[in-house]
């Protein structure tokens, strides 16, 4: 089975500040607490660097993070990933982190 992206999805284009983030593409929330527990940004054509002040690192209840098939060439994963203490699944396949 080929795990590469057949196309890019641009999930973040649906993300609007004034709307419920639990209804955004690529976001999974816990039904009881409403906390974001999953973030799937695979095949989203993300490029560049993940900054230490990224709001992603503030999702303390996050259990699953998928950044596969994006281009973070030359960037390194910030140490703040360690703050995601509930993270059980991390997919960094083909992200080109250094």
C-alpha atoms as a PDB file:
ATOM      1  CA  UNK A   1       0.000   0.000   0.000  1.00  0.00           C
ATOM      2  CA  UNK A   2       1.367   3.401  -0.979  1.00  0.00           C
ATOM      3  CA  UNK A   3       1.183   5.813   1.953  1.00  0.00           C
ATOM      4  CA  UNK A   4       2.017   8.941  -0.013  1.00  0.00           C
ATOM      5  CA  UNK A   5      -0.520  11.687  -0.481  1.00  0.00           C
ATOM      6  CA  UNK A   6      -2.636  11.455  -3.574  1.00  0.00           C
ATOM      7  CA  UNK A   7      -3.281  15.188  -3.190  1.00  0.00           C
ATOM      8  CA  UNK A   8      -2.880  17.935  -0.624  1.00  0.00           C
ATOM      9  CA  UNK A   9      -5.893  18.860   1.461  1.00  0.00           C
ATOM     10  CA  UNK A  10      -5.306  22.355   2.926  1.00  0.00           C
ATOM     11  CA  UNK A  11      -7.335  21.484   6.021  1.00  0.00           C
ATOM     12  CA  UNK A  12      -6.332  24.678   7.776  1.00  0.00           C
ATOM     13  CA  UNK A  13      -8.235  26.776   5.233  1.00  0.00           C
ATOM     14  CA  UNK A  14     -11.441  25.788   7.045  1.00  0.00           C
ATOM     15  CA  UNK A  15     -10.106  27.068  10.368  1.00  0.00           C
ATOM     16  CA  UNK A  16     -11.799  30.323  11.392  1.00  0.00           C
ATOM     17  CA  UNK A  17     -11.301  31.966  14.806  1.00  0.00           C
ATOM     18  CA  UNK A  18     -14.994  32.615  15.328  1.00  0.00           C
ATOM     19  CA  UNK A  19     -16.035  28.985  14.780  1.00  0.00           C
ATOM     20  CA  UNK A  20     -15.949  25.835  16.925  1.00  0.00           C
ATOM     21  CA  UNK A  21     -12.504  24.275  16.434  1.00  0.00           C
ATOM     22  CA  UNK A  22     -13.983  20.821  17.065  1.00  0.00           C
ATOM     23  CA  UNK A  23     -15.691  21.108  13.675  1.00  0.00           C
ATOM     24  CA  UNK A  24     -12.519  22.031  11.797  1.00  0.00           C
ATOM     25  CA  UNK A  25     -11.009  19.595   9.284  1.00  0.00           C
ATOM     26  CA  UNK A  26      -8.264  17.535  10.881  1.00  0.00           C
ATOM     27  CA  UNK A  27      -9.285  18.299  14.492  1.00  0.00           C
ATOM     28  CA  UNK A  28     -10.714  15.690  16.851  1.00  0.00           C
ATOM     29  CA  UNK A  29     -12.178  16.685  20.216  1.00  0.00           C
ATOM     30  CA  UNK A  30     -13.164  14.669  23.256  1.00  0.00           C
ATOM     31  CA  UNK A  31     -16.961  14.468  23.296  1.00  0.00           C
ATOM     32  CA  UNK A  32     -17.232  15.030  27.054  1.00  0.00           C
ATOM     33  CA  UNK A  33     -14.574  17.629  27.819  1.00  0.00           C
ATOM     34  CA  UNK A  34     -14.390  19.386  24.455  1.00  0.00           C
ATOM     35  CA  UNK A  35     -10.576  19.333  24.588  1.00  0.00           C
ATOM     36  CA  UNK A  36      -8.666  18.856  21.340  1.00  0.00           C
ATOM     37  CA  UNK A  37      -7.244  15.313  21.477  1.00  0.00           C
ATOM     38  CA  UNK A  38      -6.308  14.762  17.834  1.00  0.00           C
ATOM     39  CA  UNK A  39      -4.682  16.867  15.161  1.00  0.00           C
ATOM     40  CA  UNK A  40      -4.226  15.458  11.657  1.00  0.00           C
ATOM     41  CA  UNK A  41      -2.371  17.851   9.389  1.00  0.00           C
ATOM     42  CA  UNK A  42      -0.958  15.174   7.104  1.00  0.00           C
ATOM     43  CA  UNK A  43      -0.723  16.016   3.410  1.00  0.00           C
ATOM     44  CA  UNK A  44      -1.534  19.661   4.155  1.00  0.00           C
ATOM     45  CA  UNK A  45       1.323  21.215   2.141  1.00  0.00           C
ATOM     46  CA  UNK A  46       2.810  22.812   5.254  1.00  0.00           C
ATOM     47  CA  UNK A  47       6.305  24.215   4.710  1.00  0.00           C
ATOM     48  CA  UNK A  48       8.954  25.916   6.767  1.00  0.00           C
ATOM     49  CA  UNK A  49       9.547  25.888  10.479  1.00  0.00           C
ATOM     50  CA  UNK A  50       7.471  25.040  13.531  1.00  0.00           C
ATOM     51  CA  UNK A  51       7.984  27.917  15.943  1.00  0.00           C
ATOM     52  CA  UNK A  52       8.262  27.435  19.704  1.00  0.00           C
ATOM     53  CA  UNK A  53       5.242  29.688  20.252  1.00  0.00           C
ATOM     54  CA  UNK A  54       3.020  27.589  17.997  1.00  0.00           C
ATOM     55  CA  UNK A  55      -0.413  27.073  19.530  1.00  0.00           C
ATOM     56  CA  UNK A  56      -0.024  23.379  18.730  1.00  0.00           C
ATOM     57  CA  UNK A  57       2.331  23.060  21.706  1.00  0.00           C
ATOM     58  CA  UNK A  58      -0.378  24.454  24.001  1.00  0.00           C
ATOM     59  CA  UNK A  59      -2.777  21.567  23.313  1.00  0.00           C
ATOM     60  CA  UNK A  60      -2.013  19.823  26.607  1.00  0.00           C
ATOM     61  CA  UNK A  61      -4.695  17.133  26.097  1.00  0.00           C
ATOM     62  CA  UNK A  62      -3.470  16.181  22.622  1.00  0.00           C
ATOM     63  CA  UNK A  63      -3.156  12.417  22.205  1.00  0.00           C
ATOM     64  CA  UNK A  64      -2.576  12.061  18.457  1.00  0.00           C
ATOM     65  CA  UNK A  65      -0.546  14.321  16.192  1.00  0.00           C
ATOM     66  CA  UNK A  66      -0.046  13.593  12.505  1.00  0.00           C
ATOM     67  CA  UNK A  67       2.225  15.921  10.529  1.00  0.00           C
ATOM     68  CA  UNK A  68       3.183  13.357   7.872  1.00  0.00           C
ATOM     69  CA  UNK A  69       3.968  14.374   4.298  1.00  0.00           C
ATOM     70  CA  UNK A  70       4.651  18.059   4.927  1.00  0.00           C
ATOM     71  CA  UNK A  71       7.918  19.868   4.210  1.00  0.00           C
ATOM     72  CA  UNK A  72       9.726  21.036   7.342  1.00  0.00           C
ATOM     73  CA  UNK A  73      13.101  20.713   5.597  1.00  0.00           C
ATOM     74  CA  UNK A  74      15.937  22.166   7.665  1.00  0.00           C
ATOM     75  CA  UNK A  75      13.704  22.682  10.687  1.00  0.00           C
ATOM     76  CA  UNK A  76      14.002  20.740  13.909  1.00  0.00           C
ATOM     77  CA  UNK A  77      11.211  19.641  16.208  1.00  0.00           C
ATOM     78  CA  UNK A  78      11.046  22.121  19.077  1.00  0.00           C
ATOM     79  CA  UNK A  79      11.598  20.860  22.626  1.00  0.00           C
ATOM     80  CA  UNK A  80       8.087  22.058  23.530  1.00  0.00           C
ATOM     81  CA  UNK A  81       6.809  18.824  21.970  1.00  0.00           C
ATOM     82  CA  UNK A  82       7.724  17.393  25.370  1.00  0.00           C
ATOM     83  CA  UNK A  83       4.958  19.489  26.948  1.00  0.00           C
ATOM     84  CA  UNK A  84       2.388  17.310  25.171  1.00  0.00           C
ATOM     85  CA  UNK A  85       2.371  14.799  28.020  1.00  0.00           C
ATOM     86  CA  UNK A  86      -0.759  12.964  26.804  1.00  0.00           C
ATOM     87  CA  UNK A  87       0.642  12.337  23.316  1.00  0.00           C
ATOM     88  CA  UNK A  88       0.508   8.635  22.491  1.00  0.00           C
ATOM     89  CA  UNK A  89       0.680   8.738  18.660  1.00  0.00           C
ATOM     90  CA  UNK A  90       3.089  10.927  16.709  1.00  0.00           C
ATOM     91  CA  UNK A  91       3.490  10.602  12.949  1.00  0.00           C
ATOM     92  CA  UNK A  92       6.376  12.543  11.430  1.00  0.00           C
ATOM     93  CA  UNK A  93       6.760  10.377   8.310  1.00  0.00           C
ATOM     94  CA  UNK A  94       8.247  12.221   5.363  1.00  0.00           C
ATOM     95  CA  UNK A  95       8.367  15.591   7.134  1.00  0.00           C
ATOM     96  CA  UNK A  96      12.086  16.176   6.490  1.00  0.00           C
ATOM     97  CA  UNK A  97      12.837  17.459   9.991  1.00  0.00           C
ATOM     98  CA  UNK A  98      16.584  17.735  10.608  1.00  0.00           C
END
